[in-house]
Amino acid sequence: QVQLVESGGGLVQPGGSLSLSCAGSGRIFSIDVMGWYRQAPGKQRELVATITGSSRTNYADFVKGRFTISRDNAKNTVYLQMNSLKPEDTASYYCNLRRPVVSATSDYWGQGTQVTVSS
């Protein structure tokens, strides 16, 4: 089974930048869709961005033009470059791998990394 480990979170001032990484163990295939989600306390987990094996990307409206998702299949790693950070970006950020199967789609999650944007 796939294991995902995020890194790169921390405290940053508004307008600053952070780069998150998610390293996977176990084979990651091009058919797998990888993504980043975030969750603030008391709120639902929400999509930030996804990327397919062919590098097609999808972004939530609130991060378009500010965040960039990328992946390196050879390194089993997905990245999230976050620029122009806002206080409302404060949340735990989770790496996700979605694997399609015949019986049911499988989701794998990392443990999360905290991003805090504050002056």
N, C-alpha and C. Protein backbone atom coordinates (compact mmCIF):
# COMPACT_ATOMS: atom_id res chain seq x y z
N GLN A 1 0.83 -1.18 0.00
CA GLN A 1 0.00 0.00 0.00
C GLN A 1 0.87 1.25 0.00
N VAL A 2 0.30 2.34 -0.46
CA VAL A 2 1.01 3.60 -0.57
C VAL A 2 1.02 4.31 0.78
N GLN A 3 2.17 4.86 1.12
CA GLN A 3 2.30 5.74 2.27
C GLN A 3 2.75 7.11 1.79
N LEU A 4 2.15 8.16 2.34
CA LEU A 4 2.44 9.53 1.93
C LEU A 4 2.89 10.33 3.14
N VAL A 5 3.96 11.10 2.97
CA VAL A 5 4.50 11.92 4.04
C VAL A 5 4.72 13.34 3.53
N GLU A 6 4.04 14.31 4.16
CA GLU A 6 4.18 15.71 3.78
C GLU A 6 5.28 16.39 4.58
N SER A 7 5.84 17.45 3.99
CA SER A 7 6.82 18.27 4.68
C SER A 7 6.79 19.67 4.08
N GLY A 8 7.35 20.63 4.81
CA GLY A 8 7.48 21.98 4.30
C GLY A 8 6.58 23.02 4.92
N GLY A 9 5.68 22.60 5.80
CA GLY A 9 4.80 23.56 6.44
C GLY A 9 5.54 24.42 7.44
N GLY A 10 4.87 25.47 7.90
CA GLY A 10 5.47 26.36 8.87
C GLY A 10 4.72 27.66 8.99
N LEU A 11 5.36 28.63 9.63
CA LEU A 11 4.79 29.96 9.83
C LEU A 11 5.37 30.92 8.81
N VAL A 12 4.50 31.68 8.17
CA VAL A 12 4.94 32.64 7.16
C VAL A 12 4.07 33.89 7.26
N GLN A 13 4.64 35.04 6.93
CA GLN A 13 3.89 36.29 6.94
C GLN A 13 3.00 36.40 5.70
N PRO A 14 1.91 37.15 5.81
CA PRO A 14 1.08 37.38 4.63
C PRO A 14 1.91 37.91 3.46
N GLY A 15 1.65 37.39 2.27
CA GLY A 15 2.41 37.75 1.10
C GLY A 15 3.64 36.89 0.87
N GLY A 16 3.98 36.06 1.84
CA GLY A 16 5.14 35.20 1.73
C GLY A 16 4.87 33.93 0.97
N SER A 17 5.87 33.06 0.95
CA SER A 17 5.79 31.82 0.18
C SER A 17 6.23 30.62 1.00
N LEU A 18 5.69 29.47 0.65
CA LEU A 18 6.10 28.19 1.21
C LEU A 18 6.03 27.15 0.11
N SER A 19 6.86 26.14 0.21
CA SER A 19 6.84 25.03 -0.72
C SER A 19 6.63 23.74 0.05
N LEU A 20 5.58 23.02 -0.28
CA LEU A 20 5.26 21.76 0.37
C LEU A 20 5.68 20.59 -0.53
N SER A 21 6.11 19.52 0.10
CA SER A 21 6.46 18.30 -0.60
C SER A 21 5.72 17.13 0.00
N CYS A 22 5.41 16.16 -0.83
CA CYS A 22 4.77 14.93 -0.40
C CYS A 22 5.50 13.78 -1.05
N ALA A 23 6.16 12.97 -0.23
CA ALA A 23 6.90 11.83 -0.71
C ALA A 23 6.11 10.56 -0.50
N GLY A 24 6.01 9.76 -1.53
CA GLY A 24 5.26 8.52 -1.45
C GLY A 24 6.18 7.31 -1.43
N SER A 25 5.81 6.32 -0.64
CA SER A 25 6.47 5.03 -0.67
C SER A 25 5.52 4.02 -1.30
N GLY A 26 6.08 3.00 -1.92
CA GLY A 26 5.24 2.12 -2.71
C GLY A 26 5.07 2.72 -4.10
N ARG A 27 4.74 1.89 -5.04
CA ARG A 27 4.66 2.34 -6.42
C ARG A 27 3.52 3.33 -6.64
N ILE A 28 3.85 4.44 -7.29
CA ILE A 28 2.86 5.41 -7.73
C ILE A 28 2.81 5.36 -9.24
N PHE A 29 1.61 5.17 -9.77
CA PHE A 29 1.43 5.00 -11.21
C PHE A 29 0.92 6.28 -11.85
N SER A 30 1.14 6.38 -13.16
CA SER A 30 0.69 7.55 -13.89
C SER A 30 -0.83 7.69 -13.88
N ILE A 31 -1.54 6.59 -13.70
CA ILE A 31 -3.00 6.65 -13.64
C ILE A 31 -3.49 7.27 -12.33
N ASP A 32 -2.63 7.28 -11.31
CA ASP A 32 -2.99 7.87 -10.03
C ASP A 32 -3.11 9.38 -10.17
N VAL A 33 -4.16 9.93 -9.60
CA VAL A 33 -4.31 11.38 -9.52
C VAL A 33 -3.85 11.83 -8.14
N MET A 34 -2.93 12.77 -8.10
CA MET A 34 -2.41 13.25 -6.83
C MET A 34 -2.88 14.67 -6.59
N GLY A 35 -3.00 15.03 -5.33
CA GLY A 35 -3.50 16.34 -5.03
C GLY A 35 -3.18 16.81 -3.63
N TRP A 36 -3.56 18.06 -3.40
CA TRP A 36 -3.43 18.67 -2.09
C TRP A 36 -4.81 19.15 -1.64
N TYR A 37 -5.12 18.88 -0.39
CA TYR A 37 -6.33 19.35 0.25
C TYR A 37 -5.94 20.07 1.53
N ARG A 38 -6.85 20.86 2.06
CA ARG A 38 -6.56 21.54 3.31
C ARG A 38 -7.80 21.55 4.20
N GLN A 39 -7.55 21.66 5.49
CA GLN A 39 -8.63 21.68 6.46
C GLN A 39 -8.26 22.58 7.63
N ALA A 40 -9.10 23.56 7.89
CA ALA A 40 -8.96 24.42 9.04
C ALA A 40 -9.82 23.87 10.18
N PRO A 41 -9.48 24.17 11.43
CA PRO A 41 -10.26 23.66 12.56
C PRO A 41 -11.74 24.01 12.45
N GLY A 42 -12.60 23.02 12.65
CA GLY A 42 -14.03 23.23 12.59
C GLY A 42 -14.61 23.35 11.20
N LYS A 43 -13.79 23.16 10.17
CA LYS A 43 -14.26 23.29 8.81
C LYS A 43 -14.06 21.99 8.03
N GLN A 44 -14.75 21.87 6.91
CA GLN A 44 -14.63 20.71 6.05
C GLN A 44 -13.31 20.74 5.29
N ARG A 45 -12.80 19.55 4.99
CA ARG A 45 -11.62 19.47 4.15
C ARG A 45 -11.99 19.89 2.73
N GLU A 46 -11.14 20.70 2.11
CA GLU A 46 -11.44 21.22 0.80
C GLU A 46 -10.29 21.01 -0.17
N LEU A 47 -10.64 20.89 -1.43
CA LEU A 47 -9.66 20.71 -2.49
C LEU A 47 -8.83 21.97 -2.68
N VAL A 48 -7.53 21.80 -2.82
CA VAL A 48 -6.63 22.89 -3.19
C VAL A 48 -6.23 22.75 -4.65
N ALA A 49 -5.69 21.59 -5.02
CA ALA A 49 -5.24 21.36 -6.39
C ALA A 49 -5.04 19.88 -6.62
N THR A 50 -5.18 19.45 -7.87
CA THR A 50 -4.90 18.08 -8.26
C THR A 50 -4.05 18.07 -9.52
N ILE A 51 -3.37 16.95 -9.75
CA ILE A 51 -2.55 16.81 -10.94
C ILE A 51 -2.57 15.35 -11.39
N THR A 52 -2.76 15.14 -12.69
CA THR A 52 -2.79 13.81 -13.25
C THR A 52 -1.40 13.38 -13.66
N GLY A 53 -1.27 12.11 -14.08
CA GLY A 53 0.01 11.61 -14.55
C GLY A 53 0.49 12.28 -15.82
N SER A 54 -0.42 12.86 -16.58
CA SER A 54 -0.06 13.61 -17.78
C SER A 54 0.09 15.10 -17.50
N SER A 55 0.15 15.46 -16.22
CA SER A 55 0.38 16.82 -15.75
C SER A 55 -0.78 17.77 -16.01
N ARG A 56 -1.99 17.24 -16.20
CA ARG A 56 -3.17 18.09 -16.23
C ARG A 56 -3.48 18.52 -14.80
N THR A 57 -3.72 19.80 -14.62
CA THR A 57 -3.92 20.34 -13.28
C THR A 57 -5.31 20.92 -13.11
N ASN A 58 -5.75 20.95 -11.87
CA ASN A 58 -7.01 21.56 -11.50
C ASN A 58 -6.80 22.29 -10.19
N TYR A 59 -7.26 23.55 -10.12
CA TYR A 59 -7.07 24.37 -8.94
C TYR A 59 -8.39 24.90 -8.42
N ALA A 60 -8.48 24.99 -7.11
CA ALA A 60 -9.59 25.70 -6.51
C ALA A 60 -9.48 27.18 -6.87
N ASP A 61 -10.63 27.83 -7.00
CA ASP A 61 -10.63 29.24 -7.41
C ASP A 61 -9.81 30.12 -6.47
N PHE A 62 -9.82 29.79 -5.19
CA PHE A 62 -9.17 30.66 -4.22
C PHE A 62 -7.65 30.58 -4.24
N VAL A 63 -7.07 29.66 -5.04
CA VAL A 63 -5.61 29.58 -5.14
C VAL A 63 -5.09 29.81 -6.55
N LYS A 64 -5.98 29.97 -7.52
CA LYS A 64 -5.55 30.17 -8.90
C LYS A 64 -4.67 31.41 -9.02
N GLY A 65 -3.54 31.25 -9.69
CA GLY A 65 -2.60 32.34 -9.85
C GLY A 65 -1.64 32.50 -8.70
N ARG A 66 -1.85 31.77 -7.62
CA ARG A 66 -0.97 31.87 -6.45
C ARG A 66 -0.23 30.57 -6.16
N PHE A 67 -0.91 29.44 -6.33
CA PHE A 67 -0.32 28.13 -6.03
C PHE A 67 -0.03 27.37 -7.31
N THR A 68 0.99 26.52 -7.27
CA THR A 68 1.34 25.66 -8.39
C THR A 68 1.59 24.25 -7.89
N ILE A 69 0.89 23.28 -8.47
CA ILE A 69 1.09 21.88 -8.13
C ILE A 69 1.93 21.23 -9.23
N SER A 70 2.82 20.34 -8.83
CA SER A 70 3.64 19.61 -9.79
C SER A 70 3.95 18.23 -9.22
N ARG A 71 4.41 17.33 -10.07
CA ARG A 71 4.76 16.00 -9.61
C ARG A 71 5.97 15.48 -10.35
N ASP A 72 6.72 14.61 -9.68
CA ASP A 72 7.87 13.95 -10.26
C ASP A 72 7.68 12.46 -10.01
N ASN A 73 7.19 11.75 -11.01
CA ASN A 73 6.88 10.34 -10.84
C ASN A 73 8.12 9.51 -10.52
N ALA A 74 9.27 9.88 -11.09
CA ALA A 74 10.50 9.16 -10.83
C ALA A 74 10.89 9.23 -9.36
N LYS A 75 10.56 10.33 -8.70
CA LYS A 75 10.87 10.53 -7.29
C LYS A 75 9.69 10.22 -6.38
N ASN A 76 8.56 9.81 -6.96
CA ASN A 76 7.36 9.53 -6.18
C ASN A 76 6.98 10.71 -5.29
N THR A 77 7.03 11.90 -5.85
CA THR A 77 6.84 13.11 -5.07
C THR A 77 5.90 14.08 -5.78
N VAL A 78 5.05 14.72 -5.00
CA VAL A 78 4.20 15.80 -5.49
C VAL A 78 4.52 17.05 -4.68
N TYR A 79 4.46 18.21 -5.34
CA TYR A 79 4.83 19.46 -4.71
C TYR A 79 3.69 20.47 -4.79
N LEU A 80 3.71 21.41 -3.87
CA LEU A 80 2.80 22.53 -3.92
C LEU A 80 3.58 23.80 -3.59
N GLN A 81 3.79 24.64 -4.59
CA GLN A 81 4.43 25.93 -4.38
C GLN A 81 3.36 26.95 -4.09
N MET A 82 3.44 27.59 -2.94
CA MET A 82 2.43 28.54 -2.49
C MET A 82 3.05 29.92 -2.40
N ASN A 83 2.53 30.85 -3.19
CA ASN A 83 2.98 32.23 -3.19
C ASN A 83 1.84 33.15 -2.79
N SER A 84 2.18 34.37 -2.44
CA SER A 84 1.19 35.38 -2.06
C SER A 84 0.21 34.85 -1.03
N LEU A 85 0.74 34.24 0.00
CA LEU A 85 -0.09 33.61 1.01
C LEU A 85 -0.92 34.62 1.79
N LYS A 86 -2.13 34.21 2.14
CA LYS A 86 -3.07 35.02 2.88
C LYS A 86 -3.39 34.35 4.21
N PRO A 87 -3.82 35.12 5.22
CA PRO A 87 -4.20 34.51 6.49
C PRO A 87 -5.23 33.40 6.34
N GLU A 88 -6.15 33.54 5.40
CA GLU A 88 -7.18 32.52 5.20
C GLU A 88 -6.64 31.22 4.60
N ASP A 89 -5.37 31.21 4.21
CA ASP A 89 -4.73 29.98 3.76
C ASP A 89 -4.28 29.11 4.93
N THR A 90 -4.38 29.63 6.14
CA THR A 90 -3.98 28.87 7.32
C THR A 90 -4.82 27.61 7.46
N ALA A 91 -4.16 26.46 7.51
CA ALA A 91 -4.84 25.17 7.58
C ALA A 91 -3.81 24.07 7.66
N SER A 92 -4.30 22.86 7.92
CA SER A 92 -3.47 21.67 7.75
C SER A 92 -3.60 21.23 6.31
N TYR A 93 -2.48 21.03 5.65
CA TYR A 93 -2.48 20.65 4.25
C TYR A 93 -2.16 19.16 4.13
N TYR A 94 -3.00 18.45 3.37
CA TYR A 94 -2.89 17.00 3.24
C TYR A 94 -2.61 16.61 1.81
N CYS A 95 -1.69 15.69 1.64
CA CYS A 95 -1.40 15.10 0.35
C CYS A 95 -2.37 13.95 0.11
N ASN A 96 -2.82 13.82 -1.12
CA ASN A 96 -3.79 12.79 -1.48
C ASN A 96 -3.37 12.07 -2.75
N LEU A 97 -3.57 10.76 -2.75
CA LEU A 97 -3.41 9.96 -3.96
C LEU A 97 -4.71 9.21 -4.19
N ARG A 98 -5.29 9.40 -5.36
CA ARG A 98 -6.52 8.71 -5.72
C ARG A 98 -6.22 7.68 -6.79
N ARG A 99 -6.53 6.43 -6.49
CA ARG A 99 -6.25 5.32 -7.39
C ARG A 99 -7.55 4.68 -7.83
N PRO A 100 -7.84 4.70 -9.13
CA PRO A 100 -9.07 4.08 -9.60
C PRO A 100 -8.95 2.55 -9.60
N VAL A 101 -9.96 1.90 -9.09
CA VAL A 101 -10.05 0.44 -9.10
C VAL A 101 -11.44 0.06 -9.58
N VAL A 102 -11.62 -1.20 -9.93
CA VAL A 102 -12.90 -1.65 -10.46
C VAL A 102 -13.99 -1.56 -9.40
N SER A 103 -13.71 -2.05 -8.20
CA SER A 103 -14.74 -2.12 -7.16
C SER A 103 -15.04 -0.77 -6.54
N ALA A 104 -14.01 0.02 -6.29
CA ALA A 104 -14.19 1.33 -5.67
C ALA A 104 -12.89 2.12 -5.79
N THR A 105 -13.03 3.42 -5.94
CA THR A 105 -11.87 4.29 -5.98
C THR A 105 -11.20 4.32 -4.61
N SER A 106 -9.89 4.20 -4.60
CA SER A 106 -9.13 4.20 -3.35
C SER A 106 -8.43 5.53 -3.14
N ASP A 107 -8.48 6.03 -1.92
CA ASP A 107 -7.81 7.27 -1.55
C ASP A 107 -6.78 6.99 -0.46
N TYR A 108 -5.60 7.57 -0.64
CA TYR A 108 -4.54 7.48 0.35
C TYR A 108 -4.20 8.89 0.80
N TRP A 109 -3.97 9.06 2.10
CA TRP A 109 -3.74 10.37 2.68
C TRP A 109 -2.48 10.40 3.52
N GLY A 110 -1.79 11.53 3.47
CA GLY A 110 -0.71 11.78 4.40
C GLY A 110 -1.25 12.27 5.72
N GLN A 111 -0.37 12.48 6.68
CA GLN A 111 -0.80 12.90 8.01
C GLN A 111 -1.04 14.40 8.11
N GLY A 112 -0.60 15.16 7.13
CA GLY A 112 -0.82 16.59 7.10
C GLY A 112 0.37 17.38 7.58
N THR A 113 0.48 18.61 7.09
CA THR A 113 1.50 19.54 7.55
C THR A 113 0.84 20.90 7.76
N GLN A 114 1.15 21.54 8.87
CA GLN A 114 0.48 22.78 9.25
C GLN A 114 1.09 23.98 8.54
N VAL A 115 0.23 24.80 7.95
CA VAL A 115 0.62 26.07 7.36
C VAL A 115 -0.10 27.18 8.10
N THR A 116 0.66 28.11 8.66
CA THR A 116 0.09 29.23 9.38
C THR A 116 0.58 30.52 8.75
N VAL A 117 -0.37 31.36 8.33
CA VAL A 117 -0.05 32.65 7.71
C VAL A 117 -0.51 33.75 8.65
N SER A 118 0.44 34.45 9.24
CA SER A 118 0.12 35.46 10.23
C SER A 118 1.24 36.47 10.33
N SER A 119 0.88 37.71 10.63
CA SER A 119 1.85 38.75 10.87
C SER A 119 2.14 38.90 12.35
